[in-house]
Amino acid sequence: MTLSKGPALAAWLDRAVDTPRAWGRHDCTLWPADWVVACGHDDPAVDWRGRYRTALGAARLAGRAGGLQALWQGGAEAAGLSTVARPRVGDVGLLPMATRWVGPRLSGLVGAICIGGGEWAVVTQDGLWLGRASPVQAWRTAWRTR
């Protein structure tokens, strides 16, 4: 795997390995949203950040929004991100992934960061998952300066 976005993404991945997952602070939804902010964009999670602390809370929040995809779509639009058909290194997206905590409202989707070559990084209960996946939806996170 080549991290062509450079040291910033590599450091982001390293920090994720050392950070325990915590619902509502460091999870599969907020971690990619935090990356979007680190890339200089507005926060796509501004409307849901701090509004849940458990898996059930996350499921309820996503359910009220019409699902995790709808929640992310609204946040991405508000942050000025554009959808992309061919994600590249550093873009964010939603992947289908079976997990123990997913309920019907989350529909088996997780937020992720593209690390290149069709591979993605996802924060999980057991650490950082890196692997090949096809996103359900993805957004461009080109570097921006404020």
C-alpha atoms as a PDB file:
ATOM      1  CA  MET A   1       0.000   0.000   0.000  1.00  0.00           C
ATOM      2  CA  THR A   2       1.354   3.428  -0.914  1.00  0.00           C
ATOM      3  CA  LEU A   3       0.128   6.440   1.002  1.00  0.00           C
ATOM      4  CA  SER A   4       0.621   9.036  -1.693  1.00  0.00           C
ATOM      5  CA  LYS A   5      -1.103  11.775   0.321  1.00  0.00           C
ATOM      6  CA  GLY A   6       2.075  11.817   2.329  1.00  0.00           C
ATOM      7  CA  PRO A   7       3.002  11.982   5.946  1.00  0.00           C
ATOM      8  CA  ALA A   8      -0.242  13.612   7.117  1.00  0.00           C
ATOM      9  CA  LEU A   9      -2.397  10.595   6.277  1.00  0.00           C
ATOM     10  CA  ALA A  10       0.236   8.145   7.525  1.00  0.00           C
ATOM     11  CA  ALA A  11       0.371  10.017  10.847  1.00  0.00           C
ATOM     12  CA  TRP A  12      -3.447  10.068  10.967  1.00  0.00           C
ATOM     13  CA  LEU A  13      -3.514   6.284  10.565  1.00  0.00           C
ATOM     14  CA  ASP A  14      -0.784   5.816  13.195  1.00  0.00           C
ATOM     15  CA  ARG A  15      -2.725   7.893  15.733  1.00  0.00           C
ATOM     16  CA  ALA A  16      -5.871   5.859  15.057  1.00  0.00           C
ATOM     17  CA  VAL A  17      -4.023   2.632  15.861  1.00  0.00           C
ATOM     18  CA  ASP A  18      -3.114   4.030  19.281  1.00  0.00           C
ATOM     19  CA  THR A  19      -6.548   5.501  20.071  1.00  0.00           C
ATOM     20  CA  PRO A  20      -9.216   3.228  21.554  1.00  0.00           C
ATOM     21  CA  ARG A  21     -12.599   3.408  19.870  1.00  0.00           C
ATOM     22  CA  ALA A  22     -15.041   5.477  21.893  1.00  0.00           C
ATOM     23  CA  TRP A  23     -18.595   6.032  20.677  1.00  0.00           C
ATOM     24  CA  GLY A  24     -19.253   9.698  20.003  1.00  0.00           C
ATOM     25  CA  ARG A  25     -15.560  10.643  20.206  1.00  0.00           C
ATOM     26  CA  HIS A  26     -13.422   8.272  18.118  1.00  0.00           C
ATOM     27  CA  ASP A  27     -15.540   5.896  16.055  1.00  0.00           C
ATOM     28  CA  CYS A  28     -16.110   4.885  12.448  1.00  0.00           C
ATOM     29  CA  THR A  29     -18.268   7.938  11.800  1.00  0.00           C
ATOM     30  CA  LEU A  30     -16.355  10.696  13.571  1.00  0.00           C
ATOM     31  CA  TRP A  31     -12.838   9.562  12.637  1.00  0.00           C
ATOM     32  CA  PRO A  32     -13.305  10.216   8.886  1.00  0.00           C
ATOM     33  CA  ALA A  33     -15.198  13.429   9.716  1.00  0.00           C
ATOM     34  CA  ASP A  34     -12.210  14.557  11.790  1.00  0.00           C
ATOM     35  CA  TRP A  35      -9.974  13.813   8.789  1.00  0.00           C
ATOM     36  CA  VAL A  36     -12.171  16.038   6.601  1.00  0.00           C
ATOM     37  CA  VAL A  37     -11.633  18.871   9.104  1.00  0.00           C
ATOM     38  CA  ALA A  38      -7.884  18.151   9.193  1.00  0.00           C
ATOM     39  CA  CYS A  39      -7.887  18.573   5.390  1.00  0.00           C
ATOM     40  CA  GLY A  40      -9.245  22.102   5.832  1.00  0.00           C
ATOM     41  CA  HIS A  41     -12.962  21.576   5.214  1.00  0.00           C
ATOM     42  CA  ASP A  42     -15.902  22.438   7.421  1.00  0.00           C
ATOM     43  CA  ASP A  43     -16.974  19.706   9.839  1.00  0.00           C
ATOM     44  CA  PRO A  44     -19.405  17.279   8.164  1.00  0.00           C
ATOM     45  CA  ALA A  45     -20.324  15.986  11.640  1.00  0.00           C
ATOM     46  CA  VAL A  46     -21.169  19.365  13.145  1.00  0.00           C
ATOM     47  CA  ASP A  47     -24.865  18.433  13.486  1.00  0.00           C
ATOM     48  CA  TRP A  48     -24.267  15.084  15.175  1.00  0.00           C
ATOM     49  CA  ARG A  49     -20.962  15.517  17.017  1.00  0.00           C
ATOM     50  CA  GLY A  50     -21.470  15.080  20.769  1.00  0.00           C
ATOM     51  CA  ARG A  51     -25.024  13.756  20.362  1.00  0.00           C
ATOM     52  CA  TYR A  52     -24.353  10.074  21.139  1.00  0.00           C
ATOM     53  CA  ARG A  53     -22.130   8.034  23.460  1.00  0.00           C
ATOM     54  CA  THR A  54     -23.151   4.454  22.699  1.00  0.00           C
ATOM     55  CA  ALA A  55     -23.810   2.185  19.722  1.00  0.00           C
ATOM     56  CA  LEU A  56     -27.529   2.455  20.447  1.00  0.00           C
ATOM     57  CA  GLY A  57     -27.277   6.240  20.527  1.00  0.00           C
ATOM     58  CA  ALA A  58     -25.465   6.208  17.181  1.00  0.00           C
ATOM     59  CA  ALA A  59     -28.137   3.929  15.704  1.00  0.00           C
ATOM     60  CA  ARG A  60     -30.925   6.196  16.952  1.00  0.00           C
ATOM     61  CA  LEU A  61     -29.228   9.299  15.577  1.00  0.00           C
ATOM     62  CA  ALA A  62     -28.694   7.673  12.183  1.00  0.00           C
ATOM     63  CA  GLY A  63     -32.269   6.369  12.203  1.00  0.00           C
ATOM     64  CA  ARG A  64     -33.684   9.840  12.781  1.00  0.00           C
ATOM     65  CA  ALA A  65     -31.661  11.069   9.782  1.00  0.00           C
ATOM     66  CA  GLY A  66     -32.901   8.255   7.523  1.00  0.00           C
ATOM     67  CA  GLY A  67     -29.800   6.077   7.930  1.00  0.00           C
ATOM     68  CA  LEU A  68     -26.053   6.562   8.112  1.00  0.00           C
ATOM     69  CA  GLN A  69     -25.815   7.301   4.393  1.00  0.00           C
ATOM     70  CA  ALA A  70     -28.384  10.095   4.676  1.00  0.00           C
ATOM     71  CA  LEU A  71     -26.639  11.445   7.783  1.00  0.00           C
ATOM     72  CA  TRP A  72     -23.285  11.565   5.974  1.00  0.00           C
ATOM     73  CA  GLN A  73     -24.804  12.942   2.759  1.00  0.00           C
ATOM     74  CA  GLY A  74     -26.285  15.882   4.637  1.00  0.00           C
ATOM     75  CA  GLY A  75     -23.051  16.502   6.522  1.00  0.00           C
ATOM     76  CA  ALA A  76     -20.903  16.235   3.406  1.00  0.00           C
ATOM     77  CA  GLU A  77     -23.114  18.673   1.507  1.00  0.00           C
ATOM     78  CA  ALA A  78     -23.009  21.142   4.407  1.00  0.00           C
ATOM     79  CA  ALA A  79     -19.202  20.849   4.478  1.00  0.00           C
ATOM     80  CA  GLY A  80     -18.991  21.512   0.735  1.00  0.00           C
ATOM     81  CA  LEU A  81     -17.719  18.051  -0.211  1.00  0.00           C
ATOM     82  CA  SER A  82     -18.518  16.639  -3.637  1.00  0.00           C
ATOM     83  CA  THR A  83     -19.361  13.011  -4.296  1.00  0.00           C
ATOM     84  CA  VAL A  84     -16.890  11.030  -6.364  1.00  0.00           C
ATOM     85  CA  ALA A  85     -17.194   7.818  -8.340  1.00  0.00           C
ATOM     86  CA  ARG A  86     -13.480   6.989  -8.154  1.00  0.00           C
ATOM     87  CA  PRO A  87     -12.150   7.718  -4.680  1.00  0.00           C
ATOM     88  CA  ARG A  88      -8.479   8.466  -4.303  1.00  0.00           C
ATOM     89  CA  VAL A  89      -6.106   8.592  -1.365  1.00  0.00           C
ATOM     90  CA  GLY A  90      -7.519  10.710   1.441  1.00  0.00           C
ATOM     91  CA  ASP A  91     -11.132  10.722   0.272  1.00  0.00           C
ATOM     92  CA  VAL A  92     -13.799   9.577   2.728  1.00  0.00           C
ATOM     93  CA  GLY A  93     -16.643   7.181   2.142  1.00  0.00           C
ATOM     94  CA  LEU A  94     -19.133   4.699   3.489  1.00  0.00           C
ATOM     95  CA  LEU A  95     -18.392   0.996   3.206  1.00  0.00           C
ATOM     96  CA  PRO A  96     -20.659  -2.020   3.693  1.00  0.00           C
ATOM     97  CA  MET A  97     -19.191  -3.968   6.592  1.00  0.00           C
ATOM     98  CA  ALA A  98     -20.605  -6.605   8.899  1.00  0.00           C
ATOM     99  CA  THR A  99     -19.961  -5.810  12.552  1.00  0.00           C
ATOM    100  CA  ARG A 100     -21.268  -7.034  15.871  1.00  0.00           C
ATOM    101  CA  TRP A 101     -22.850  -3.726  16.850  1.00  0.00           C
ATOM    102  CA  VAL A 102     -24.642  -2.783  13.653  1.00  0.00           C
ATOM    103  CA  GLY A 103     -28.378  -2.556  13.928  1.00  0.00           C
ATOM    104  CA  PRO A 104     -31.019  -2.064  11.271  1.00  0.00           C
ATOM    105  CA  ARG A 105     -30.725   1.720  11.420  1.00  0.00           C
ATOM    106  CA  LEU A 106     -27.016   1.698  10.592  1.00  0.00           C
ATOM    107  CA  SER A 107     -27.561  -0.781   7.747  1.00  0.00           C
ATOM    108  CA  GLY A 108     -24.074  -2.260   8.027  1.00  0.00           C
ATOM    109  CA  LEU A 109     -22.320   0.883   6.782  1.00  0.00           C
ATOM    110  CA  VAL A 110     -19.152   2.331   8.291  1.00  0.00           C
ATOM    111  CA  GLY A 111     -17.274   5.552   7.626  1.00  0.00           C
ATOM    112  CA  ALA A 112     -13.795   5.127   6.149  1.00  0.00           C
ATOM    113  CA  ILE A 113     -10.791   6.871   4.616  1.00  0.00           C
ATOM    114  CA  CYS A 114      -9.419   5.765   1.244  1.00  0.00           C
ATOM    115  CA  ILE A 115      -5.747   4.793   1.477  1.00  0.00           C
ATOM    116  CA  GLY A 116      -5.336   4.059  -2.239  1.00  0.00           C
ATOM    117  CA  GLY A 117      -5.548   1.145  -4.611  1.00  0.00           C
ATOM    118  CA  GLY A 118      -9.138   0.354  -3.638  1.00  0.00           C
ATOM    119  CA  GLU A 119      -8.124  -0.010   0.011  1.00  0.00           C
ATOM    120  CA  TRP A 120      -9.717   1.736   2.952  1.00  0.00           C
ATOM    121  CA  ALA A 121      -9.092   2.332   6.652  1.00  0.00           C
ATOM    122  CA  VAL A 122     -11.869   1.976   9.247  1.00  0.00           C
ATOM    123  CA  VAL A 123     -11.869   2.439  13.020  1.00  0.00           C
ATOM    124  CA  THR A 124     -13.251  -0.729  14.628  1.00  0.00           C
ATOM    125  CA  GLN A 125     -13.731  -2.100  18.108  1.00  0.00           C
ATOM    126  CA  ASP A 126     -10.487  -4.033  17.687  1.00  0.00           C
ATOM    127  CA  GLY A 127      -8.386  -1.202  16.244  1.00  0.00           C
ATOM    128  CA  LEU A 128      -7.822  -0.036  12.709  1.00  0.00           C
ATOM    129  CA  TRP A 129      -9.010  -2.230   9.834  1.00  0.00           C
ATOM    130  CA  LEU A 130      -7.225  -1.835   6.502  1.00  0.00           C
ATOM    131  CA  GLY A 131      -8.537  -3.658   3.462  1.00  0.00           C
ATOM    132  CA  ARG A 132     -10.039  -3.662   0.014  1.00  0.00           C
ATOM    133  CA  ALA A 133     -13.652  -2.547  -0.272  1.00  0.00           C
ATOM    134  CA  SER A 134     -16.080  -0.854  -2.640  1.00  0.00           C
ATOM    135  CA  PRO A 135     -17.710   2.225  -1.140  1.00  0.00           C
ATOM    136  CA  VAL A 136     -21.443   2.769  -1.254  1.00  0.00           C
ATOM    137  CA  GLN A 137     -20.712   6.490  -1.501  1.00  0.00           C
ATOM    138  CA  ALA A 138     -17.540   8.601  -1.350  1.00  0.00           C
ATOM    139  CA  TRP A 139     -16.597  12.267  -1.095  1.00  0.00           C
ATOM    140  CA  ARG A 140     -13.523  14.211  -2.222  1.00  0.00           C
ATOM    141  CA  THR A 141     -11.358  15.706   0.532  1.00  0.00           C
ATOM    142  CA  ALA A 142      -8.753  17.679  -1.395  1.00  0.00           C
ATOM    143  CA  TRP A 143      -6.474  19.803   0.788  1.00  0.00           C
ATOM    144  CA  ARG A 144      -7.876  23.253   1.475  1.00  0.00           C
ATOM    145  CA  THR A 145      -6.377  26.249   3.189  1.00  0.00           C
ATOM    146  CA  ARG A 146      -8.472  28.616   5.216  1.00  0.00           C
END
